C-alpha atoms as a PDB file:
ATOM      1  CA  UNK A   1      53.255-108.849-117.446  1.00  0.00           C
ATOM      2  CA  UNK A   2      51.553-111.140-114.954  1.00  0.00           C
ATOM      3  CA  UNK A   3      49.332-109.753-112.229  1.00  0.00           C
ATOM      4  CA  UNK A   4      51.656-111.123-109.546  1.00  0.00           C
ATOM      5  CA  UNK A   5      54.700-109.520-111.152  1.00  0.00           C
ATOM      6  CA  UNK A   6      52.836-106.215-111.523  1.00  0.00           C
ATOM      7  CA  UNK A   7      51.772-106.322-107.851  1.00  0.00           C
ATOM      8  CA  UNK A   8      55.340-107.043-106.741  1.00  0.00           C
ATOM      9  CA  UNK A   9      56.684-104.192-108.853  1.00  0.00           C
ATOM     10  CA  UNK A  10      54.073-101.752-107.502  1.00  0.00           C
ATOM     11  CA  UNK A  11      55.043-102.667-103.951  1.00  0.00           C
ATOM     12  CA  UNK A  12      58.757-102.268-104.710  1.00  0.00           C
ATOM     13  CA  UNK A  13      58.120 -98.870-106.252  1.00  0.00           C
ATOM     14  CA  UNK A  14      55.986 -97.877-103.256  1.00  0.00           C
ATOM     15  CA  UNK A  15      58.722 -98.914-100.812  1.00  0.00           C
ATOM     16  CA  UNK A  16      61.272 -96.977-102.879  1.00  0.00           C
ATOM     17  CA  UNK A  17      59.092 -93.871-102.947  1.00  0.00           C
ATOM     18  CA  UNK A  18      58.553 -94.091 -99.204  1.00  0.00           C
ATOM     19  CA  UNK A  19      62.286 -94.047 -98.682  1.00  0.00           C
ATOM     20  CA  UNK A  20      62.524 -90.659-100.390  1.00  0.00           C
ATOM     21  CA  UNK A  21      62.121 -87.530 -98.276  1.00  0.00           C
ATOM     22  CA  UNK A  22      58.812 -85.738 -98.690  1.00  0.00           C
ATOM     23  CA  UNK A  23      58.520 -82.052 -97.986  1.00  0.00           C
ATOM     24  CA  UNK A  24      55.471 -81.328 -95.879  1.00  0.00           C
ATOM     25  CA  UNK A  25      53.729 -78.703 -97.953  1.00  0.00           C
ATOM     26  CA  UNK A  26      50.078 -79.428 -98.576  1.00  0.00           C
ATOM     27  CA  UNK A  27      49.679 -76.636-101.098  1.00  0.00           C
ATOM     28  CA  UNK A  28      52.232 -78.285-103.391  1.00  0.00           C
ATOM     29  CA  UNK A  29      50.072 -81.425-103.494  1.00  0.00           C
ATOM     30  CA  UNK A  30      53.071 -83.709-103.719  1.00  0.00           C
ATOM     31  CA  UNK A  31      51.054 -86.887-103.746  1.00  0.00           C
ATOM     32  CA  UNK A  32      52.634 -90.277-104.190  1.00  0.00           C
ATOM     33  CA  UNK A  33      52.459 -91.598-107.734  1.00  0.00           C
ATOM     34  CA  UNK A  34      51.888 -95.159-106.510  1.00  0.00           C
ATOM     35  CA  UNK A  35      48.741 -95.560-104.438  1.00  0.00           C
ATOM     36  CA  UNK A  36      48.383 -98.110-101.644  1.00  0.00           C
ATOM     37  CA  UNK A  37      46.084-100.985-102.530  1.00  0.00           C
ATOM     38  CA  UNK A  38      43.579-100.992 -99.664  1.00  0.00           C
ATOM     39  CA  UNK A  39      42.906-104.593 -98.634  1.00  0.00           C
ATOM     40  CA  UNK A  40      39.342-105.804 -98.227  1.00  0.00           C
ATOM     41  CA  UNK A  41      39.590-106.648 -94.518  1.00  0.00           C
ATOM     42  CA  UNK A  42      37.616-106.268 -91.329  1.00  0.00           C
ATOM     43  CA  UNK A  43      39.350-104.757 -88.304  1.00  0.00           C
ATOM     44  CA  UNK A  44      38.132-104.420 -84.717  1.00  0.00           C
ATOM     45  CA  UNK A  45      38.159-101.234 -82.641  1.00  0.00           C
ATOM     46  CA  UNK A  46      38.734-100.639 -78.937  1.00  0.00           C
ATOM     47  CA  UNK A  47      35.024-101.251 -78.238  1.00  0.00           C
ATOM     48  CA  UNK A  48      35.053-104.611 -80.026  1.00  0.00           C
ATOM     49  CA  UNK A  49      33.150-103.267 -83.050  1.00  0.00           C
ATOM     50  CA  UNK A  50      34.175-104.558 -86.476  1.00  0.00           C
ATOM     51  CA  UNK A  51      34.903-102.089 -89.275  1.00  0.00           C
ATOM     52  CA  UNK A  52      35.386-102.694 -92.991  1.00  0.00           C
ATOM     53  CA  UNK A  53      38.667-100.919 -93.755  1.00  0.00           C
ATOM     54  CA  UNK A  54      37.846 -99.899 -97.363  1.00  0.00           C
ATOM     55  CA  UNK A  55      34.571 -98.346 -96.177  1.00  0.00           C
ATOM     56  CA  UNK A  56      36.348 -96.328 -93.481  1.00  0.00           C
ATOM     57  CA  UNK A  57      38.989 -95.115 -95.894  1.00  0.00           C
ATOM     58  CA  UNK A  58      36.689 -94.156 -98.766  1.00  0.00           C
ATOM     59  CA  UNK A  59      34.176 -92.273 -96.626  1.00  0.00           C
ATOM     60  CA  UNK A  60      36.420 -89.265 -95.928  1.00  0.00           C
ATOM     61  CA  UNK A  61      40.048 -88.132 -95.774  1.00  0.00           C
ATOM     62  CA  UNK A  62      42.116 -90.212 -93.364  1.00  0.00           C
ATOM     63  CA  UNK A  63      45.374 -90.138 -91.460  1.00  0.00           C
ATOM     64  CA  UNK A  64      46.771 -93.574 -90.673  1.00  0.00           C
ATOM     65  CA  UNK A  65      49.465 -94.354 -88.153  1.00  0.00           C
ATOM     66  CA  UNK A  66      50.746 -97.667 -86.888  1.00  0.00           C
ATOM     67  CA  UNK A  67      51.185 -98.378 -83.197  1.00  0.00           C
ATOM     68  CA  UNK A  68      51.206-101.057 -80.559  1.00  0.00           C
ATOM     69  CA  UNK A  69      49.950-100.687 -77.020  1.00  0.00           C
ATOM     70  CA  UNK A  70      53.213-101.744 -75.323  1.00  0.00           C
ATOM     71  CA  UNK A  71      55.260 -99.133 -77.234  1.00  0.00           C
ATOM     72  CA  UNK A  72      57.111 -96.596 -75.139  1.00  0.00           C
ATOM     73  CA  UNK A  73      59.027 -94.714 -77.831  1.00  0.00           C
ATOM     74  CA  UNK A  74      57.383 -93.221 -80.931  1.00  0.00           C
ATOM     75  CA  UNK A  75      53.788 -94.419 -80.380  1.00  0.00           C
ATOM     76  CA  UNK A  76      53.052 -92.055 -77.460  1.00  0.00           C
ATOM     77  CA  UNK A  77      54.339 -89.156 -79.588  1.00  0.00           C
ATOM     78  CA  UNK A  78      52.111 -90.139 -82.513  1.00  0.00           C
ATOM     79  CA  UNK A  79      49.174 -90.583 -80.145  1.00  0.00           C
ATOM     80  CA  UNK A  80      49.727 -87.025 -78.916  1.00  0.00           C
ATOM     81  CA  UNK A  81      49.946 -85.835 -82.543  1.00  0.00           C
ATOM     82  CA  UNK A  82      46.610 -87.511 -83.322  1.00  0.00           C
ATOM     83  CA  UNK A  83      45.029 -85.928 -80.217  1.00  0.00           C
ATOM     84  CA  UNK A  84      46.098 -82.468 -81.380  1.00  0.00           C
ATOM     85  CA  UNK A  85      44.999 -83.216 -84.962  1.00  0.00           C
ATOM     86  CA  UNK A  86      41.628 -84.405 -83.675  1.00  0.00           C
ATOM     87  CA  UNK A  87      41.213 -81.034 -81.927  1.00  0.00           C
ATOM     88  CA  UNK A  88      42.244 -79.111 -85.074  1.00  0.00           C
ATOM     89  CA  UNK A  89      39.801 -81.009 -87.288  1.00  0.00           C
ATOM     90  CA  UNK A  90      37.014 -80.313 -84.814  1.00  0.00           C
ATOM     91  CA  UNK A  91      37.907 -76.608 -84.461  1.00  0.00           C
ATOM     92  CA  UNK A  92      38.092 -76.147 -88.226  1.00  0.00           C
ATOM     93  CA  UNK A  93      34.999 -78.271 -88.929  1.00  0.00           C
ATOM     94  CA  UNK A  94      37.069 -80.221 -91.463  1.00  0.00           C
ATOM     95  CA  UNK A  95      36.158 -83.769 -92.419  1.00  0.00           C
ATOM     96  CA  UNK A  96      38.580 -86.501 -91.531  1.00  0.00           C
ATOM     97  CA  UNK A  97      39.130 -89.738 -89.684  1.00  0.00           C
ATOM     98  CA  UNK A  98      42.203 -90.776 -87.711  1.00  0.00           C
ATOM     99  CA  UNK A  99      43.098 -94.460 -87.767  1.00  0.00           C
ATOM    100  CA  UNK A 100      45.742 -95.934 -85.481  1.00  0.00           C
ATOM    101  CA  UNK A 101      46.345 -99.495 -86.659  1.00  0.00           C
ATOM    102  CA  UNK A 102      47.989-102.085 -84.445  1.00  0.00           C
ATOM    103  CA  UNK A 103      51.268-103.788 -85.256  1.00  0.00           C
ATOM    104  CA  UNK A 104      50.733-106.384 -82.517  1.00  0.00           C
ATOM    105  CA  UNK A 105      47.630-108.531 -83.091  1.00  0.00           C
ATOM    106  CA  UNK A 106      48.646-110.951 -80.340  1.00  0.00           C
ATOM    107  CA  UNK A 107      48.535-108.367 -77.557  1.00  0.00           C
ATOM    108  CA  UNK A 108      46.410-105.522 -78.942  1.00  0.00           C
ATOM    109  CA  UNK A 109      42.891-106.752 -78.249  1.00  0.00           C
ATOM    110  CA  UNK A 110      40.002-104.335 -77.537  1.00  0.00           C
ATOM    111  CA  UNK A 111      40.715-104.289 -73.773  1.00  0.00           C
ATOM    112  CA  UNK A 112      44.412-103.481 -74.324  1.00  0.00           C
ATOM    113  CA  UNK A 113      43.519-100.724 -76.795  1.00  0.00           C
ATOM    114  CA  UNK A 114      40.958 -99.250 -74.357  1.00  0.00           C
ATOM    115  CA  UNK A 115      43.580 -99.262 -71.611  1.00  0.00           C
ATOM    116  CA  UNK A 116      46.069 -97.574 -73.954  1.00  0.00           C
ATOM    117  CA  UNK A 117      43.494 -94.933 -74.919  1.00  0.00           C
ATOM    118  CA  UNK A 118      42.599 -94.342 -71.264  1.00  0.00           C
ATOM    119  CA  UNK A 119      46.269 -93.812 -70.406  1.00  0.00           C
ATOM    120  CA  UNK A 120      46.367 -90.945 -72.906  1.00  0.00           C
ATOM    121  CA  UNK A 121      42.786 -89.774 -72.274  1.00  0.00           C
ATOM    122  CA  UNK A 122      42.089 -90.310 -75.974  1.00  0.00           C
ATOM    123  CA  UNK A 123      38.538 -89.704 -77.187  1.00  0.00           C
ATOM    124  CA  UNK A 124      37.734 -92.573 -79.532  1.00  0.00           C
ATOM    125  CA  UNK A 125      34.890 -93.666 -81.781  1.00  0.00           C
ATOM    126  CA  UNK A 126      33.506 -92.732 -85.162  1.00  0.00           C
ATOM    127  CA  UNK A 127      31.708 -89.759 -83.621  1.00  0.00           C
ATOM    128  CA  UNK A 128      35.072 -88.590 -82.244  1.00  0.00           C
ATOM    129  CA  UNK A 129      36.738 -89.270 -85.623  1.00  0.00           C
ATOM    130  CA  UNK A 130      39.464 -91.534 -84.219  1.00  0.00           C
ATOM    131  CA  UNK A 131      39.681 -95.314 -84.059  1.00  0.00           C
ATOM    132  CA  UNK A 132      42.307 -97.634 -82.637  1.00  0.00           C
ATOM    133  CA  UNK A 133      42.109-100.778 -84.766  1.00  0.00           C
ATOM    134  CA  UNK A 134      43.463-104.306 -84.500  1.00  0.00           C
ATOM    135  CA  UNK A 135      42.487-107.651 -85.961  1.00  0.00           C
ATOM    136  CA  UNK A 136      43.768-111.050 -86.860  1.00  0.00           C
ATOM    137  CA  UNK A 137      47.350-111.347 -88.070  1.00  0.00           C
ATOM    138  CA  UNK A 138      46.357-112.243 -91.660  1.00  0.00           C
ATOM    139  CA  UNK A 139      44.187-109.126 -92.068  1.00  0.00           C
ATOM    140  CA  UNK A 140      46.744-106.863 -90.397  1.00  0.00           C
ATOM    141  CA  UNK A 141      49.587-108.242 -92.531  1.00  0.00           C
ATOM    142  CA  UNK A 142      47.628-107.192 -95.619  1.00  0.00           C
ATOM    143  CA  UNK A 143      47.207-103.681 -94.192  1.00  0.00           C
ATOM    144  CA  UNK A 144      50.868-103.418 -93.210  1.00  0.00           C
ATOM    145  CA  UNK A 145      51.934-104.541 -96.680  1.00  0.00           C
ATOM    146  CA  UNK A 146      49.625-102.033 -98.388  1.00  0.00           C
ATOM    147  CA  UNK A 147      51.212 -99.208 -96.416  1.00  0.00           C
ATOM    148  CA  UNK A 148      54.808-100.453 -96.590  1.00  0.00           C
ATOM    149  CA  UNK A 149      55.037-101.285 -92.904  1.00  0.00           C
ATOM    150  CA  UNK A 150      55.802-105.001 -92.896  1.00  0.00           C
ATOM    151  CA  UNK A 151      59.461-105.148 -92.086  1.00  0.00           C
ATOM    152  CA  UNK A 152      59.864-106.874 -88.780  1.00  0.00           C
ATOM    153  CA  UNK A 153      58.780-106.734 -85.173  1.00  0.00           C
ATOM    154  CA  UNK A 154      56.559-103.925 -83.849  1.00  0.00           C
ATOM    155  CA  UNK A 155      59.566-102.297 -82.170  1.00  0.00           C
ATOM    156  CA  UNK A 156      61.091-101.620 -85.608  1.00  0.00           C
ATOM    157  CA  UNK A 157      58.129 -99.798 -87.134  1.00  0.00           C
ATOM    158  CA  UNK A 158      58.415 -96.540 -89.031  1.00  0.00           C
ATOM    159  CA  UNK A 159      57.125 -93.328 -87.526  1.00  0.00           C
ATOM    160  CA  UNK A 160      55.400 -92.189 -90.698  1.00  0.00           C
ATOM    161  CA  UNK A 161      51.763 -91.161 -90.989  1.00  0.00           C
ATOM    162  CA  UNK A 162      49.822 -91.851 -94.162  1.00  0.00           C
ATOM    163  CA  UNK A 163      47.396 -89.130 -95.196  1.00  0.00           C
ATOM    164  CA  UNK A 164      45.002 -89.361 -98.034  1.00  0.00           C
ATOM    165  CA  UNK A 165      41.705 -89.842 -99.705  1.00  0.00           C
ATOM    166  CA  UNK A 166      40.958 -93.128-101.411  1.00  0.00           C
ATOM    167  CA  UNK A 167      38.112 -91.418-103.270  1.00  0.00           C
ATOM    168  CA  UNK A 168      40.401 -88.707-104.703  1.00  0.00           C
ATOM    169  CA  UNK A 169      43.371 -91.107-105.022  1.00  0.00           C
ATOM    170  CA  UNK A 170      45.635 -88.697-103.160  1.00  0.00           C
ATOM    171  CA  UNK A 171      48.108 -90.244-100.721  1.00  0.00           C
ATOM    172  CA  UNK A 172      51.198 -88.944 -98.970  1.00  0.00           C
ATOM    173  CA  UNK A 173      53.504 -90.419 -96.380  1.00  0.00           C
ATOM    174  CA  UNK A 174      54.511 -87.793 -93.837  1.00  0.00           C
ATOM    175  CA  UNK A 175      56.893 -87.754 -90.935  1.00  0.00           C
ATOM    176  CA  UNK A 176      55.251 -88.956 -87.750  1.00  0.00           C
ATOM    177  CA  UNK A 177      56.571 -85.768 -86.217  1.00  0.00           C
ATOM    178  CA  UNK A 178      54.641 -83.353 -88.428  1.00  0.00           C
ATOM    179  CA  UNK A 179      52.563 -80.765 -86.625  1.00  0.00           C
ATOM    180  CA  UNK A 180      48.832 -81.180 -86.061  1.00  0.00           C
ATOM    181  CA  UNK A 181      48.199 -78.192 -88.342  1.00  0.00           C
ATOM    182  CA  UNK A 182      50.257 -79.774 -91.137  1.00  0.00           C
ATOM    183  CA  UNK A 183      48.440 -83.067 -90.759  1.00  0.00           C
ATOM    184  CA  UNK A 184      45.011 -81.375 -90.749  1.00  0.00           C
ATOM    185  CA  UNK A 185      46.022 -79.306 -93.807  1.00  0.00           C
ATOM    186  CA  UNK A 186      47.073 -82.407 -95.727  1.00  0.00           C
ATOM    187  CA  UNK A 187      43.798 -84.101 -94.821  1.00  0.00           C
ATOM    188  CA  UNK A 188      41.770 -81.102 -96.018  1.00  0.00           C
ATOM    189  CA  UNK A 189      43.669 -80.840 -99.292  1.00  0.00           C
ATOM    190  CA  UNK A 190      43.433 -84.594 -99.926  1.00  0.00           C
ATOM    191  CA  UNK A 191      39.652 -84.301-100.070  1.00  0.00           C
ATOM    192  CA  UNK A 192      39.736 -81.767-102.918  1.00  0.00           C
END
């Protein structure tokens, strides 16, 4: 089997698995059998600081959502979910990093992401354990593909949240409407 064929098959299996419903029950540890292949890319945060995505993801458990700053439907709801999850992680002293990754590299520059964060009074930065990230379209396309979110314009994006630990090779795709407690629980369990 060629490497290209194997990569295509892994992606097809991943897309298939993502289409299946997943019960949100962290204690059951229903991790995906097919892991996302984290691309070796640099992304930029709302302060204009570059971050190496694999380094961010392997350092601690993460929750990853996809957004764009002009979104008026699901993105504000997921932003609110990440705000509540950020509070839970802090209250519980649990490790974890929240990553909101842009689906619109043309419009989502650092200034647009700062404005978006200000609108929601989001506390961002590594010390706050939450980053809004964007980058060039080639790098972002690799990220979107790794997480099965490359099917059209930003307006058509899924509302799922990826939770996992690259170090432990535990990944789950949850509903973007999970509770903050569920999301924090999944993050804690993914680190074990």
